[in-house]
Amino acid sequence: MWDKVFGTLTVPDQVQVPRRLAMRWLLDEDGEVKPQFREDYALRGGSRLDADAELADAFANRPPALDDDVVLDLTEEPVPVGG
């Protein structure tokens, strides 16, 4: 609500979901996005879910892998509201 009030609301065309964090209802039996959700959702990360490797990564507190074209700048300071 406040994003709309302050004019900072952005609505993505497609929600990118890390494969390891994908909700079960979103995936088919092959681990891909079900056809009825493909317009609104896409998976990020490896092409196939390796359950054992993903579980090991999760317990080792390693973040989900992103595609090569995704760059996250975690050094940028957040901008204060109204500033």
C-alpha atoms as a PDB file:
ATOM      1  CA  MET A   1       0.000   0.000   0.000  1.00  0.00           C
ATOM      2  CA  TRP A   2       2.696   2.508   0.948  1.00  0.00           C
ATOM      3  CA  ASP A   3       4.569   1.904  -2.292  1.00  0.00           C
ATOM      4  CA  LYS A   4       1.483   3.016  -4.159  1.00  0.00           C
ATOM      5  CA  VAL A   5       1.031   6.054  -1.895  1.00  0.00           C
ATOM      6  CA  PHE A   6       4.660   7.163  -2.331  1.00  0.00           C
ATOM      7  CA  GLY A   7       4.799   6.317  -6.040  1.00  0.00           C
ATOM      8  CA  THR A   8       7.440   3.605  -5.631  1.00  0.00           C
ATOM      9  CA  LEU A   9       5.271   0.633  -6.623  1.00  0.00           C
ATOM     10  CA  THR A  10       6.707  -1.515  -9.398  1.00  0.00           C
ATOM     11  CA  VAL A  11       4.843  -4.515 -10.755  1.00  0.00           C
ATOM     12  CA  PRO A  12       7.039  -7.080 -12.525  1.00  0.00           C
ATOM     13  CA  ASP A  13       5.864  -8.620 -15.791  1.00  0.00           C
ATOM     14  CA  GLN A  14       6.994 -12.001 -14.541  1.00  0.00           C
ATOM     15  CA  VAL A  15       7.951 -13.110 -11.025  1.00  0.00           C
ATOM     16  CA  GLN A  16      11.376 -14.781 -10.941  1.00  0.00           C
ATOM     17  CA  VAL A  17      11.448 -17.625  -8.382  1.00  0.00           C
ATOM     18  CA  PRO A  18      14.727 -19.294  -7.330  1.00  0.00           C
ATOM     19  CA  ARG A  19      14.349 -22.972  -8.212  1.00  0.00           C
ATOM     20  CA  ARG A  20      15.272 -24.064  -4.683  1.00  0.00           C
ATOM     21  CA  LEU A  21      12.586 -21.821  -3.175  1.00  0.00           C
ATOM     22  CA  ALA A  22       9.793 -22.651  -5.639  1.00  0.00           C
ATOM     23  CA  MET A  23       6.422 -23.498  -4.127  1.00  0.00           C
ATOM     24  CA  ARG A  24       5.223 -27.046  -4.759  1.00  0.00           C
ATOM     25  CA  TRP A  25       1.962 -25.893  -6.320  1.00  0.00           C
ATOM     26  CA  LEU A  26       3.959 -23.986  -8.945  1.00  0.00           C
ATOM     27  CA  LEU A  27       5.886 -26.996 -10.297  1.00  0.00           C
ATOM     28  CA  ASP A  28       4.868 -29.980 -12.384  1.00  0.00           C
ATOM     29  CA  GLU A  29       6.219 -33.509 -11.903  1.00  0.00           C
ATOM     30  CA  ASP A  30       9.328 -32.642 -13.967  1.00  0.00           C
ATOM     31  CA  GLY A  31      10.200 -29.705 -11.696  1.00  0.00           C
ATOM     32  CA  GLU A  32       9.205 -27.046 -14.239  1.00  0.00           C
ATOM     33  CA  VAL A  33       6.584 -24.298 -13.927  1.00  0.00           C
ATOM     34  CA  LYS A  34       3.098 -25.638 -14.670  1.00  0.00           C
ATOM     35  CA  PRO A  35       1.670 -24.355 -17.985  1.00  0.00           C
ATOM     36  CA  GLN A  36      -1.096 -22.342 -16.308  1.00  0.00           C
ATOM     37  CA  PHE A  37       1.498 -20.294 -14.356  1.00  0.00           C
ATOM     38  CA  ARG A  38       4.197 -19.777 -17.035  1.00  0.00           C
ATOM     39  CA  GLU A  39       2.960 -16.334 -18.045  1.00  0.00           C
ATOM     40  CA  ASP A  40       3.343 -15.008 -14.493  1.00  0.00           C
ATOM     41  CA  TYR A  41       6.253 -17.057 -13.061  1.00  0.00           C
ATOM     42  CA  ALA A  42       9.706 -18.213 -14.196  1.00  0.00           C
ATOM     43  CA  LEU A  43      12.360 -20.263 -12.417  1.00  0.00           C
ATOM     44  CA  ARG A  44      15.876 -18.945 -11.821  1.00  0.00           C
ATOM     45  CA  GLY A  45      18.930 -21.081 -11.249  1.00  0.00           C
ATOM     46  CA  GLY A  46      20.048 -24.417 -12.607  1.00  0.00           C
ATOM     47  CA  SER A  47      18.052 -26.080 -15.338  1.00  0.00           C
ATOM     48  CA  ARG A  48      17.182 -29.104 -13.207  1.00  0.00           C
ATOM     49  CA  LEU A  49      16.682 -29.513  -9.496  1.00  0.00           C
ATOM     50  CA  ASP A  50      19.294 -31.763  -7.919  1.00  0.00           C
ATOM     51  CA  ALA A  51      17.482 -32.390  -4.639  1.00  0.00           C
ATOM     52  CA  ASP A  52      20.522 -33.733  -2.779  1.00  0.00           C
ATOM     53  CA  ALA A  53      22.774 -30.848  -3.833  1.00  0.00           C
ATOM     54  CA  GLU A  54      20.057 -28.281  -3.080  1.00  0.00           C
ATOM     55  CA  LEU A  55      19.478 -29.766   0.363  1.00  0.00           C
ATOM     56  CA  ALA A  56      23.213 -29.687   1.100  1.00  0.00           C
ATOM     57  CA  ASP A  57      23.398 -26.048  -0.053  1.00  0.00           C
ATOM     58  CA  ALA A  58      20.407 -25.097   2.070  1.00  0.00           C
ATOM     59  CA  PHE A  59      21.869 -26.656   5.228  1.00  0.00           C
ATOM     60  CA  ALA A  60      25.249 -25.059   4.475  1.00  0.00           C
ATOM     61  CA  ASN A  61      23.436 -21.697   4.316  1.00  0.00           C
ATOM     62  CA  ARG A  62      24.519 -21.086   0.719  1.00  0.00           C
ATOM     63  CA  PRO A  63      22.145 -18.897  -1.301  1.00  0.00           C
ATOM     64  CA  PRO A  64      20.266 -20.287  -4.319  1.00  0.00           C
ATOM     65  CA  ALA A  65      22.249 -20.096  -7.559  1.00  0.00           C
ATOM     66  CA  LEU A  66      21.179 -17.426 -10.018  1.00  0.00           C
ATOM     67  CA  ASP A  67      21.436 -17.465 -13.773  1.00  0.00           C
ATOM     68  CA  ASP A  68      24.628 -15.940 -15.217  1.00  0.00           C
ATOM     69  CA  ASP A  69      22.772 -12.873 -16.499  1.00  0.00           C
ATOM     70  CA  VAL A  70      21.619 -11.834 -13.016  1.00  0.00           C
ATOM     71  CA  VAL A  71      23.850  -9.420 -11.114  1.00  0.00           C
ATOM     72  CA  LEU A  72      23.037  -8.399  -7.573  1.00  0.00           C
ATOM     73  CA  ASP A  73      24.697  -5.272  -6.182  1.00  0.00           C
ATOM     74  CA  LEU A  74      24.651  -5.800  -2.443  1.00  0.00           C
ATOM     75  CA  THR A  75      27.020  -2.900  -1.804  1.00  0.00           C
ATOM     76  CA  GLU A  76      24.512  -0.221  -2.743  1.00  0.00           C
ATOM     77  CA  GLU A  77      23.107   1.646   0.242  1.00  0.00           C
ATOM     78  CA  PRO A  78      19.311   1.728   0.568  1.00  0.00           C
ATOM     79  CA  VAL A  79      17.719   5.072  -0.217  1.00  0.00           C
ATOM     80  CA  PRO A  80      15.744   6.582   2.669  1.00  0.00           C
ATOM     81  CA  VAL A  81      12.061   7.230   2.026  1.00  0.00           C
ATOM     82  CA  GLY A  82      11.570  10.818   0.971  1.00  0.00           C
ATOM     83  CA  GLY A  83      15.274  11.329   0.315  1.00  0.00           C
END
